[in-house]
């Protein structure tokens, strides 16, 4: 269909959006088709049929839209914002199909085989959803809202889950959860741009709309392909490191070799993508292994560093970028400072969450056994929170309110822009801090004074600094306003078992795309809260502005007003 022919039936704006959102959905269909192979490998035929059916439906919609509007013009920035918002929303919608279909098509007796192969088959209670009763967590996904929540959490790299007992899921679903986070961590649009290889300003508009800015190469296509090369290499190294660590742990040494590899593969994928989905019952706490936690620290940290920095270090051997790049330098400063503050807080307010086991010989410096565990858990959980990974090694719900609030600040800030993390980003927080100091210093200067400031090697005059400060402040203010409003809603619907610190923690985790939980998130949470979290995760992944542009376009269109 030519541009002239569809112009009378559909505006060019809608045609551009429909075509490019269709491309994103078509890409997702390809990922579903790959997952059919995983289902066949594990002889999970009901899952194979479900993913095949979901892939066919998804491909029909995506390729149909892409073909119908193939002649639409390239997107501009206003289109890119709407495409990003709508694309992530529809990718999450279609990503829920395999969950729903697998849960409905798999017979109860087959679900029971997944329970029987889990580490503690007698420890799970049966639940009834939509007429089906099973001890497998697969049954939860018969509820479309639970399936949509899981898909949005996966694609946005949030990690909050409706799967109470991950080992009772079919391997295909375990893989799909990890695969979504692995792809979503780099970005759905980034992957699609790499595949479509469409040159020009249209690709740049889409690239920027996904909350990305810096390029590695002048060409966006070359940039996104380099990003994926780096990511794949890091994934391979992470899988190897995790496999060795799991095999050497007390828990992992009792597993078959293929099972240890399976857990290493999934945790490496979700750890590097800072997603946090797990295939074990209690996330990383299942292993109770300082070695595994230590190996995960650099994996999670790699995901929180901007990709251009990785490229500069790997390709150009610019090791100095570790301390010369503003975001990377401050990331490690915040890692160190946060670990100290959280350790002091948790060691000073020891709760039942901290077992009486010595760690790293810290008892020799006067700490009790529970306090050494508190330090160990503080180190891991702070890195997990600031990197927005969401792996959990401790029962955070049993922590004191102070510890939860400290971790919440890490989830709000997040890691570096241009990485796989959520939150408001370090560069934005830094700009706000410098802007406040800059505004304060101007009070003591004459009006005629020429005022400049330097941020990350860039000298900014008064107008440039005001623009950067206002942009950072507006996004951060919107982000925090939504956080507070959502926490107020949550505290009023979850009941008296949870306090304000729990509500703030849980909303910060959802909106920061982290995945840590104080115990609120789960299949039993109120539907209003569950739906709100879906919105928080969607907004958090795209940093609010694309969602606002999307909402405005629904009401008024894309023309200026």
Protein backbone atom coordinates (compact mmCIF):
# COMPACT_ATOMS: atom_id res chain seq x y z
CA UNK A 1 0.00 0.00 0.00
CA UNK A 2 1.57 3.31 -1.05
CA UNK A 3 1.72 6.43 1.10
CA UNK A 4 -0.90 8.11 -1.09
CA UNK A 5 -3.32 5.21 -0.78
CA UNK A 6 -3.26 4.94 2.99
CA UNK A 7 -3.27 8.72 3.51
CA UNK A 8 -7.00 8.89 3.07
CA UNK A 9 -7.65 5.96 5.41
CA UNK A 10 -5.10 6.57 8.12
CA UNK A 11 -3.00 9.60 8.98
CA UNK A 12 0.70 9.35 8.22
CA UNK A 13 1.42 9.71 11.94
CA UNK A 14 -0.63 6.63 12.79
CA UNK A 15 0.83 4.76 9.83
CA UNK A 16 4.37 5.41 11.04
CA UNK A 17 3.49 4.28 14.55
CA UNK A 18 1.58 1.20 13.39
CA UNK A 19 4.41 0.09 11.11
CA UNK A 20 7.17 0.43 13.67
CA UNK A 21 5.18 -1.02 16.56
CA UNK A 22 4.36 -3.88 14.19
CA UNK A 23 8.09 -4.39 13.67
CA UNK A 24 8.64 -4.64 17.42
CA UNK A 25 5.86 -7.19 17.74
CA UNK A 26 7.20 -9.17 14.79
CA UNK A 27 10.58 -9.29 16.49
CA UNK A 28 8.90 -10.70 19.59
CA UNK A 29 7.27 -13.42 17.48
CA UNK A 30 10.75 -14.48 16.41
CA UNK A 31 11.82 -14.79 20.04
CA UNK A 32 8.76 -16.93 20.74
CA UNK A 33 9.70 -19.17 17.81
CA UNK A 34 13.19 -19.62 19.29
CA UNK A 35 11.58 -20.61 22.58
CA UNK A 36 9.61 -23.35 20.81
CA UNK A 37 12.99 -25.00 20.30
CA UNK A 38 13.62 -24.90 24.05
CA UNK A 39 10.24 -26.55 24.65
CA UNK A 40 11.08 -29.32 22.17
CA UNK A 41 14.49 -29.81 23.81
CA UNK A 42 12.80 -30.49 27.15
CA UNK A 43 9.93 -32.43 25.55
CA UNK A 44 7.38 -29.97 26.96
CA UNK A 45 4.89 -30.41 24.16
CA UNK A 46 2.07 -28.36 25.65
CA UNK A 47 4.44 -25.45 26.11
CA UNK A 48 5.73 -25.94 22.56
CA UNK A 49 2.18 -25.76 21.18
CA UNK A 50 1.47 -22.69 23.31
CA UNK A 51 4.54 -20.78 22.18
CA UNK A 52 3.99 -21.79 18.57
CA UNK A 53 0.40 -20.56 18.71
CA UNK A 54 1.48 -17.33 20.43
CA UNK A 55 4.21 -16.82 17.82
CA UNK A 56 1.75 -17.27 14.95
CA UNK A 57 -0.73 -14.78 16.40
CA UNK A 58 2.00 -12.28 17.27
CA UNK A 59 3.65 -12.58 13.86
CA UNK A 60 0.33 -12.16 12.07
CA UNK A 61 -0.36 -8.89 13.86
CA UNK A 62 3.20 -7.57 13.69
CA UNK A 63 4.02 -8.47 10.12
CA UNK A 64 0.55 -7.47 9.01
CA UNK A 65 0.97 -3.95 10.40
CA UNK A 66 4.51 -3.69 9.08
CA UNK A 67 3.49 -4.75 5.57
CA UNK A 68 0.31 -2.66 5.43
CA UNK A 69 2.20 0.54 6.21
CA UNK A 70 5.59 -0.28 4.72
CA UNK A 71 5.69 2.98 2.75
CA UNK A 72 5.11 5.23 5.75
CA UNK A 73 7.75 7.96 6.24
CA UNK A 74 10.60 7.67 8.71
CA UNK A 75 9.67 8.51 12.31
CA UNK A 76 10.60 11.81 13.89
CA UNK A 77 11.19 12.34 17.58
CA UNK A 78 7.50 12.82 18.38
CA UNK A 79 6.76 9.51 16.66
CA UNK A 80 9.67 7.82 18.38
CA UNK A 81 8.29 8.66 21.80
CA UNK A 82 4.87 7.21 20.98
CA UNK A 83 6.38 4.16 19.26
CA UNK A 84 8.52 3.45 22.32
CA UNK A 85 5.60 3.75 24.75
CA UNK A 86 3.14 1.82 22.59
CA UNK A 87 5.77 -0.69 21.54
CA UNK A 88 6.73 -1.67 25.08
CA UNK A 89 3.07 -1.87 26.05
CA UNK A 90 2.11 -4.14 23.15
CA UNK A 91 5.25 -6.25 23.51
CA UNK A 92 4.23 -6.90 27.12
CA UNK A 93 0.66 -7.69 26.05
CA UNK A 94 1.70 -10.23 23.43
CA UNK A 95 4.45 -11.52 25.73
CA UNK A 96 1.73 -12.59 28.15
CA UNK A 97 0.16 -14.92 25.57
CA UNK A 98 2.62 -17.81 26.11
CA UNK A 99 2.01 -17.67 29.87
CA UNK A 100 -1.77 -17.80 29.49
CA UNK A 101 -1.77 -20.46 26.77
CA UNK A 102 0.72 -22.72 28.55
CA UNK A 103 -1.21 -22.45 31.82
CA UNK A 104 -4.50 -23.30 30.13
CA UNK A 105 -3.31 -26.01 27.74
CA UNK A 106 -1.10 -27.92 30.18
CA UNK A 107 -3.13 -30.64 31.99
CA UNK A 108 -3.05 -30.66 35.78
CA UNK A 109 -1.32 -34.05 35.83
CA UNK A 110 1.46 -32.65 33.66
CA UNK A 111 1.80 -29.65 35.97
CA UNK A 112 2.31 -32.17 38.77
CA UNK A 113 5.39 -33.55 37.02
CA UNK A 114 6.99 -30.10 37.25
CA UNK A 115 6.28 -30.09 40.99
CA UNK A 116 7.68 -33.61 41.40
CA UNK A 117 10.98 -32.56 39.80
CA UNK A 118 11.34 -29.51 42.07
CA UNK A 119 13.79 -29.65 45.01
CA UNK A 120 11.06 -29.69 47.69
CA UNK A 121 7.97 -31.20 46.03
CA UNK A 122 6.06 -31.68 49.29
CA UNK A 123 6.58 -28.10 50.47
CA UNK A 124 4.18 -26.46 48.03
CA UNK A 125 0.51 -25.84 48.71
CA UNK A 126 -2.12 -26.32 46.01
CA UNK A 127 -3.90 -23.23 44.72
CA UNK A 128 -7.09 -22.98 42.65
CA UNK A 129 -7.38 -20.45 39.85
CA UNK A 130 -10.14 -20.34 37.23
CA UNK A 131 -11.26 -23.87 38.01
CA UNK A 132 -7.80 -25.48 38.01
CA UNK A 133 -6.00 -26.61 41.15
CA UNK A 134 -2.29 -27.35 41.23
CA UNK A 135 0.85 -27.00 43.31
CA UNK A 136 2.70 -25.70 40.26
CA UNK A 137 3.12 -21.94 40.00
CA UNK A 138 2.17 -22.31 36.35
CA UNK A 139 -1.47 -22.32 37.42
CA UNK A 140 -1.21 -18.67 38.47
CA UNK A 141 -0.80 -17.66 34.83
CA UNK A 142 -4.30 -18.82 33.99
CA UNK A 143 -5.21 -15.37 35.32
CA UNK A 144 -4.53 -12.90 32.44
CA UNK A 145 -3.59 -10.11 34.87
CA UNK A 146 -0.90 -12.29 36.46
CA UNK A 147 0.40 -13.22 33.00
CA UNK A 148 0.46 -9.58 31.89
CA UNK A 149 2.23 -8.58 35.10
CA UNK A 150 4.89 -11.25 34.57
CA UNK A 151 5.42 -10.21 30.97
CA UNK A 152 5.71 -6.51 31.78
CA UNK A 153 8.08 -7.32 34.64
CA UNK A 154 10.17 -9.45 32.31
CA UNK A 155 10.43 -7.07 29.39
CA UNK A 156 11.09 -4.02 31.57
CA UNK A 157 13.73 -5.90 33.60
CA UNK A 158 11.81 -5.34 36.82
CA UNK A 159 11.96 -8.85 38.27
CA UNK A 160 8.89 -8.72 40.51
CA UNK A 161 7.01 -11.95 39.94
CA UNK A 162 3.73 -13.80 40.29
CA UNK A 163 5.58 -17.14 40.17
CA UNK A 164 5.72 -18.05 43.84
CA UNK A 165 7.80 -21.20 43.30
CA UNK A 166 9.91 -20.92 40.16
CA UNK A 167 11.20 -24.55 40.22
CA UNK A 168 7.61 -25.77 39.69
CA UNK A 169 7.41 -23.98 36.33
CA UNK A 170 8.15 -25.79 33.07
CA UNK A 171 11.65 -25.15 31.76
CA UNK A 172 10.20 -23.36 28.76
CA UNK A 173 8.52 -20.76 30.96
CA UNK A 174 11.69 -20.41 33.06
CA UNK A 175 13.61 -19.73 29.85
CA UNK A 176 11.02 -17.28 28.51
CA UNK A 177 11.19 -15.23 31.70
CA UNK A 178 14.98 -15.03 31.48
CA UNK A 179 14.98 -14.47 27.72
CA UNK A 180 12.58 -11.53 28.04
CA UNK A 181 14.84 -9.87 30.59
CA UNK A 182 17.98 -10.54 28.58
CA UNK A 183 16.55 -8.90 25.47
CA UNK A 184 14.63 -6.22 27.36
CA UNK A 185 17.72 -5.21 29.32
CA UNK A 186 19.44 -3.92 26.21
CA UNK A 187 16.16 -2.72 24.75
CA UNK A 188 13.44 -4.04 22.49
CA UNK A 189 13.91 -1.11 20.11
CA UNK A 190 17.69 -1.53 20.13
CA UNK A 191 17.32 -5.17 19.05
CA UNK A 192 14.74 -4.35 16.39
CA UNK A 193 16.88 -1.51 15.02
CA UNK A 194 19.83 -3.88 14.75
CA UNK A 195 17.73 -6.41 12.85
CA UNK A 196 15.94 -4.00 10.52
CA UNK A 197 19.12 -2.01 9.84
CA UNK A 198 17.17 1.03 8.70
CA UNK A 199 19.64 3.92 8.27
CA UNK A 200 18.95 7.58 8.82
CA UNK A 201 17.26 9.81 11.35
CA UNK A 202 14.37 7.41 11.89
CA UNK A 203 16.59 4.93 13.69
CA UNK A 204 18.05 7.69 15.84
CA UNK A 205 14.58 8.88 16.84
CA UNK A 206 13.69 5.37 17.99
CA UNK A 207 17.04 4.90 19.72
CA UNK A 208 16.64 8.10 21.74
CA UNK A 209 13.02 7.37 22.57
CA UNK A 210 14.09 4.28 24.51
CA UNK A 211 15.81 6.53 27.07
CA UNK A 212 19.19 6.31 25.32
CA UNK A 213 21.37 9.12 24.06
CA UNK A 214 25.08 8.35 23.68
CA UNK A 215 26.39 6.66 20.56
CA UNK A 216 29.41 4.39 20.28
CA UNK A 217 29.71 5.04 16.53
CA UNK A 218 28.31 7.83 14.34
CA UNK A 219 25.93 5.27 12.83
CA UNK A 220 23.05 4.13 15.05
CA UNK A 221 23.02 0.74 13.32
CA UNK A 222 26.72 0.22 14.09
CA UNK A 223 26.14 1.42 17.64
CA UNK A 224 23.36 -1.03 18.45
CA UNK A 225 25.20 -3.94 16.82
CA UNK A 226 28.29 -3.16 18.88
CA UNK A 227 26.14 -3.01 22.02
CA UNK A 228 24.82 -6.49 21.29
CA UNK A 229 28.29 -7.88 20.57
CA UNK A 230 29.50 -6.62 23.94
CA UNK A 231 26.42 -7.97 25.67
CA UNK A 232 26.74 -11.44 24.13
CA UNK A 233 30.43 -11.71 25.07
CA UNK A 234 29.71 -10.63 28.64
CA UNK A 235 26.86 -13.12 28.82
CA UNK A 236 29.12 -16.01 27.82
CA UNK A 237 31.72 -15.06 30.43
CA UNK A 238 29.03 -14.61 33.07
CA UNK A 239 27.54 -18.05 32.36
CA UNK A 240 30.96 -19.64 32.75
CA UNK A 241 31.67 -17.80 36.01
CA UNK A 242 28.26 -18.68 37.45
CA UNK A 243 28.58 -22.32 36.43
CA UNK A 244 31.88 -22.66 38.28
CA UNK A 245 30.54 -20.83 41.35
CA UNK A 246 27.32 -22.87 41.50
CA UNK A 247 29.22 -26.14 41.01
CA UNK A 248 31.52 -25.30 43.92
CA UNK A 249 28.72 -24.30 46.29
CA UNK A 250 27.23 -26.74 48.81
CA UNK A 251 23.83 -26.51 47.16
CA UNK A 252 25.10 -26.66 43.59
CA UNK A 253 27.47 -29.56 44.18
CA UNK A 254 24.42 -31.78 44.75
CA UNK A 255 22.85 -30.84 41.42
CA UNK A 256 23.30 -32.71 38.13
CA UNK A 257 25.79 -30.92 35.88
CA UNK A 258 23.11 -29.93 33.37
CA UNK A 259 20.95 -28.45 36.15
CA UNK A 260 23.90 -26.42 37.49
CA UNK A 261 24.47 -25.13 33.95
CA UNK A 262 20.78 -24.32 33.52
CA UNK A 263 20.75 -22.25 36.70
CA UNK A 264 24.02 -20.57 35.71
CA UNK A 265 22.65 -19.70 32.28
CA UNK A 266 19.44 -18.16 33.59
CA UNK A 267 21.04 -16.25 36.45
CA UNK A 268 23.83 -14.96 34.22
CA UNK A 269 21.29 -13.70 31.66
CA UNK A 270 19.08 -11.96 34.19
CA UNK A 271 22.00 -10.75 36.31
CA UNK A 272 23.85 -9.07 33.45
CA UNK A 273 20.60 -7.61 32.13
CA UNK A 274 19.92 -6.33 35.68
CA UNK A 275 16.54 -8.05 35.56
CA UNK A 276 16.63 -10.38 38.54
CA UNK A 277 14.28 -13.21 37.58
CA UNK A 278 15.43 -16.47 39.14
CA UNK A 279 14.83 -20.17 38.59
CA UNK A 280 15.25 -21.03 42.27
CA UNK A 281 12.73 -20.74 45.08
CA UNK A 282 14.35 -17.93 47.06
CA UNK A 283 16.42 -16.17 44.42
CA UNK A 284 20.12 -16.12 45.33
CA UNK A 285 19.32 -16.87 48.99
CA UNK A 286 18.67 -20.47 47.88
CA UNK A 287 22.40 -21.06 47.54
CA UNK A 288 23.44 -19.37 50.80
CA UNK A 289 26.85 -19.08 49.17
CA UNK A 290 29.24 -16.15 49.68
CA UNK A 291 31.11 -17.35 46.57
CA UNK A 292 28.06 -17.07 44.31
CA UNK A 293 27.15 -13.69 45.78
CA UNK A 294 30.72 -12.47 45.20
CA UNK A 295 30.72 -13.67 41.58
CA UNK A 296 27.42 -11.90 40.98
CA UNK A 297 28.72 -8.54 42.23
CA UNK A 298 30.82 -7.77 39.11
CA UNK A 299 28.13 -9.25 36.82
CA UNK A 300 25.49 -6.92 38.22
CA UNK A 301 27.93 -4.02 38.19
CA UNK A 302 28.75 -4.56 34.50
CA UNK A 303 25.07 -4.18 33.67
CA UNK A 304 24.96 -0.83 35.48
CA UNK A 305 27.81 0.74 33.46
CA UNK A 306 26.99 2.54 30.19
CA UNK A 307 27.77 0.58 27.03
CA UNK A 308 29.99 3.31 25.51
CA UNK A 309 32.29 2.92 28.52
CA UNK A 310 32.50 -0.84 27.96
CA UNK A 311 33.39 -0.22 24.33
CA UNK A 312 36.04 2.37 25.19
CA UNK A 313 37.68 0.01 27.67
CA UNK A 314 37.45 -3.15 25.55
CA UNK A 315 38.15 -1.77 22.07
CA UNK A 316 40.36 1.21 22.79
CA UNK A 317 41.94 0.04 26.08
CA UNK A 318 40.90 3.28 27.78
CA UNK A 319 41.06 1.89 31.31
CA UNK A 320 41.03 5.43 32.66
CA UNK A 321 37.33 5.65 31.77
CA UNK A 322 36.61 3.79 35.00
CA UNK A 323 37.46 6.95 36.94
CA UNK A 324 37.32 9.67 34.25
CA UNK A 325 33.73 9.00 33.19
CA UNK A 326 31.40 10.85 35.54
CA UNK A 327 28.71 8.19 35.81
CA UNK A 328 31.11 5.27 36.23
CA UNK A 329 33.13 7.10 38.86
CA UNK A 330 30.04 8.01 40.85
CA UNK A 331 28.61 4.53 40.44
CA UNK A 332 31.57 3.08 42.32
CA UNK A 333 31.51 5.90 44.85
CA UNK A 334 27.86 5.14 45.55
CA UNK A 335 28.60 1.41 45.69
CA UNK A 336 31.18 1.97 48.41
CA UNK A 337 29.36 4.63 50.39
CA UNK A 338 26.05 2.78 50.30
CA UNK A 339 27.59 -0.49 51.44
CA UNK A 340 29.09 1.27 54.47
CA UNK A 341 25.89 3.11 55.42
CA UNK A 342 23.61 0.09 54.95
CA UNK A 343 26.01 -2.20 56.82
CA UNK A 344 26.10 0.17 59.78
CA UNK A 345 22.30 0.42 59.74
CA UNK A 346 21.69 -3.33 59.58
CA UNK A 347 24.47 -4.27 61.98
CA UNK A 348 23.04 -1.77 64.45
CA UNK A 349 19.45 -3.00 64.08
CA UNK A 350 19.85 -6.79 63.86
CA UNK A 351 16.61 -8.64 63.10
CA UNK A 352 15.66 -12.28 62.62
CA UNK A 353 16.55 -11.88 58.94
CA UNK A 354 20.23 -12.26 59.80
CA UNK A 355 21.35 -15.76 60.75
CA UNK A 356 24.03 -16.27 63.38
CA UNK A 357 26.82 -17.27 60.99
CA UNK A 358 30.27 -15.73 60.77
CA UNK A 359 31.24 -14.08 57.48
CA UNK A 360 34.74 -13.28 56.22
CA UNK A 361 36.10 -13.46 59.76
CA UNK A 362 34.35 -10.26 60.78
CA UNK A 363 33.80 -11.60 64.28
CA UNK A 364 37.49 -10.99 64.88
CA UNK A 365 36.83 -7.22 64.80
CA UNK A 366 34.17 -7.41 67.47
CA UNK A 367 31.01 -8.06 65.48
CA UNK A 368 28.56 -10.75 66.52
CA UNK A 369 27.68 -13.58 64.14
CA UNK A 370 24.30 -12.02 63.18
CA UNK A 371 26.06 -8.70 62.57
CA UNK A 372 28.53 -10.29 60.18
CA UNK A 373 25.59 -11.76 58.25
CA UNK A 374 24.01 -8.32 58.24
CA UNK A 375 27.16 -6.89 56.65
CA UNK A 376 27.26 -9.67 54.05
CA UNK A 377 23.61 -9.18 53.11
CA UNK A 378 24.02 -5.40 53.07
CA UNK A 379 26.87 -5.61 50.58
CA UNK A 380 24.96 -7.83 48.19
CA UNK A 381 21.59 -6.12 48.51
CA UNK A 382 22.98 -2.61 48.05
CA UNK A 383 24.81 -3.59 44.84
CA UNK A 384 21.71 -5.47 43.68
CA UNK A 385 19.51 -2.43 44.37
CA UNK A 386 21.74 0.30 42.90
CA UNK A 387 22.38 -1.80 39.78
CA UNK A 388 18.59 -2.38 39.61
CA UNK A 389 19.16 -6.13 39.35
CA UNK A 390 16.86 -7.28 42.13
CA UNK A 391 18.55 -10.54 43.12
CA UNK A 392 17.70 -11.22 46.74
CA UNK A 393 19.98 -12.91 49.28
CA UNK A 394 18.07 -11.90 52.40
CA UNK A 395 14.52 -11.64 53.70
CA UNK A 396 14.25 -7.88 53.27
CA UNK A 397 10.69 -7.93 54.59
CA UNK A 398 12.14 -8.77 58.01
CA UNK A 399 14.65 -5.88 57.92
CA UNK A 400 14.17 -2.75 59.98
CA UNK A 401 12.43 0.22 58.36
CA UNK A 402 15.73 2.13 58.16
CA UNK A 403 17.36 -0.54 56.05
CA UNK A 404 14.39 -0.66 53.67
CA UNK A 405 14.42 3.11 53.20
CA UNK A 406 18.15 3.18 52.53
CA UNK A 407 17.80 0.49 49.85
CA UNK A 408 14.82 2.40 48.42
CA UNK A 409 17.10 5.39 47.72
CA UNK A 410 19.39 3.12 45.69
CA UNK A 411 16.45 1.86 43.64
CA UNK A 412 15.31 5.43 42.98
CA UNK A 413 18.74 6.60 41.78
CA UNK A 414 19.75 3.52 39.75
CA UNK A 415 22.95 3.17 37.72
CA UNK A 416 24.32 4.87 34.63
CA UNK A 417 22.27 6.20 31.74
CA UNK A 418 23.02 4.16 28.62
CA UNK A 419 23.16 0.88 30.58
CA UNK A 420 20.50 -1.73 31.34
CA UNK A 421 19.30 -0.15 34.61
CA UNK A 422 16.19 1.72 35.73
CA UNK A 423 15.77 4.56 38.23
CA UNK A 424 16.29 8.25 37.52
CA UNK A 425 19.98 7.56 36.62
CA UNK A 426 23.19 8.81 38.19
CA UNK A 427 23.82 11.58 35.67
CA UNK A 428 20.41 13.08 36.37
CA UNK A 429 20.89 12.95 40.14
CA UNK A 430 24.37 14.48 39.74
CA UNK A 431 23.04 17.26 37.51
CA UNK A 432 20.37 18.14 40.05
CA UNK A 433 22.96 18.25 42.83
CA UNK A 434 25.29 20.47 40.81
CA UNK A 435 22.35 22.61 39.73
CA UNK A 436 21.31 23.28 43.31
CA UNK A 437 24.86 24.32 44.23
CA UNK A 438 25.04 26.44 41.08
CA UNK A 439 21.76 28.20 41.79
CA UNK A 440 22.85 28.86 45.36
CA UNK A 441 26.24 30.29 44.32
CA UNK A 442 24.57 32.72 41.91
CA UNK A 443 22.92 34.47 44.85
CA UNK A 444 26.31 35.87 45.89
CA UNK A 445 27.33 37.06 42.41
CA UNK A 446 26.38 40.29 40.61
CA UNK A 447 23.79 40.02 37.84
CA UNK A 448 26.43 40.92 35.24
CA UNK A 449 28.75 38.08 36.25
CA UNK A 450 29.50 35.43 33.61
CA UNK A 451 28.66 32.14 35.30
CA UNK A 452 29.80 28.80 33.89
CA UNK A 453 29.99 25.31 35.28
CA UNK A 454 31.58 22.05 34.18
CA UNK A 455 29.78 18.71 34.05
CA UNK A 456 31.55 15.60 32.78
CA UNK A 457 34.14 17.64 30.91
CA UNK A 458 31.57 19.96 29.29
CA UNK A 459 31.65 23.66 30.12
CA UNK A 460 28.11 25.01 30.29
CA UNK A 461 27.09 28.66 30.24
CA UNK A 462 24.11 29.99 32.20
CA UNK A 463 21.52 29.13 29.56
CA UNK A 464 22.87 25.61 28.99
CA UNK A 465 23.08 24.89 32.70
CA UNK A 466 19.53 26.10 33.29
CA UNK A 467 18.30 23.86 30.49
CA UNK A 468 20.13 20.77 31.75
CA UNK A 469 19.12 21.41 35.34
CA UNK A 470 15.47 21.97 34.46
CA UNK A 471 15.30 18.84 32.30
CA UNK A 472 16.81 16.68 35.01
CA UNK A 473 14.65 18.27 37.71
CA UNK A 474 11.40 17.89 35.74
CA UNK A 475 11.91 14.19 35.01
CA UNK A 476 13.03 13.49 38.57
CA UNK A 477 10.13 15.46 40.07
CA UNK A 478 7.62 13.56 37.93
CA UNK A 479 9.31 10.28 38.84
CA UNK A 480 9.25 10.96 42.58
CA UNK A 481 5.71 12.38 42.48
CA UNK A 482 4.47 9.17 40.89
CA UNK A 483 6.45 7.17 43.46
CA UNK A 484 4.81 8.97 46.39
CA UNK A 485 1.32 8.82 44.89
CA UNK A 486 1.67 5.10 44.17
CA UNK A 487 2.97 4.41 47.67
CA UNK A 488 -0.06 6.18 49.15
CA UNK A 489 -2.38 4.03 47.03
CA UNK A 490 -0.50 0.88 47.99
CA UNK A 491 -0.49 1.53 51.73
CA UNK A 492 -4.26 1.93 51.63
CA UNK A 493 -4.98 -1.35 49.82
CA UNK A 494 -2.47 -3.86 51.24
CA UNK A 495 -3.75 -3.89 54.80
CA UNK A 496 -2.15 -3.43 58.23
CA UNK A 497 0.61 -6.03 57.82
CA UNK A 498 2.78 -3.57 55.88
CA UNK A 499 3.93 -0.08 56.79
CA UNK A 500 4.86 3.01 54.80
CA UNK A 501 8.48 1.88 54.49
CA UNK A 502 7.29 -1.36 52.90
CA UNK A 503 5.03 0.52 50.47
CA UNK A 504 7.76 2.96 49.44
CA UNK A 505 10.20 0.08 49.05
CA UNK A 506 7.86 -1.96 46.86
CA UNK A 507 6.88 0.95 44.61
CA UNK A 508 10.52 2.04 44.25
CA UNK A 509 11.34 -1.52 43.23
CA UNK A 510 8.58 -1.64 40.60
CA UNK A 511 9.12 1.84 39.19
CA UNK A 512 12.91 1.53 39.35
CA UNK A 513 12.66 -1.80 37.47
CA UNK A 514 14.55 -3.56 40.25
CA UNK A 515 12.58 -6.53 41.58
CA UNK A 516 13.44 -6.61 45.28
CA UNK A 517 10.38 -7.24 47.44
CA UNK A 518 9.44 -6.74 51.05
CA UNK A 519 6.68 -9.34 50.66
CA UNK A 520 3.85 -7.30 49.15
CA UNK A 521 4.13 -8.48 45.57
CA UNK A 522 2.54 -11.83 44.80
CA UNK A 523 -0.58 -13.49 43.42
CA UNK A 524 -2.56 -12.57 46.54
CA UNK A 525 -1.94 -8.83 46.24
CA UNK A 526 -5.00 -6.65 45.46
CA UNK A 527 -5.70 -6.39 41.71
CA UNK A 528 -5.63 -2.59 41.98
CA UNK A 529 -2.07 -2.72 43.33
CA UNK A 530 -1.03 -5.29 40.73
CA UNK A 531 -2.39 -3.17 37.90
CA UNK A 532 -0.73 -0.08 39.35
CA UNK A 533 2.62 -1.90 39.45
CA UNK A 534 2.26 -2.77 35.77
CA UNK A 535 1.90 0.96 35.11
CA UNK A 536 4.86 1.76 37.38
CA UNK A 537 7.10 -0.75 35.59
CA UNK A 538 6.09 0.53 32.15
CA UNK A 539 6.62 4.16 33.10
CA UNK A 540 9.89 3.42 34.90
CA UNK A 541 11.42 1.67 31.89
CA UNK A 542 10.81 4.64 29.59
CA UNK A 543 11.45 7.43 32.11
CA UNK A 544 7.96 8.97 32.05
CA UNK A 545 8.24 11.48 29.17
CA UNK A 546 7.44 8.98 26.36
CA UNK A 547 4.43 7.80 28.37
CA UNK A 548 3.18 11.39 28.76
CA UNK A 549 3.67 12.00 25.03
CA UNK A 550 1.77 8.76 24.36
CA UNK A 551 -1.08 9.86 26.60
CA UNK A 552 -1.24 13.29 25.02
CA UNK A 553 -1.28 11.79 21.54
CA UNK A 554 -4.27 9.64 22.48
CA UNK A 555 -6.16 12.73 23.55
CA UNK A 556 -5.01 15.38 21.08
CA UNK A 557 -2.94 13.70 18.38
CA UNK A 558 0.65 14.55 17.48
CA UNK A 559 0.08 18.00 16.03
CA UNK A 560 1.33 20.98 18.11
CA UNK A 561 -1.26 22.78 20.24
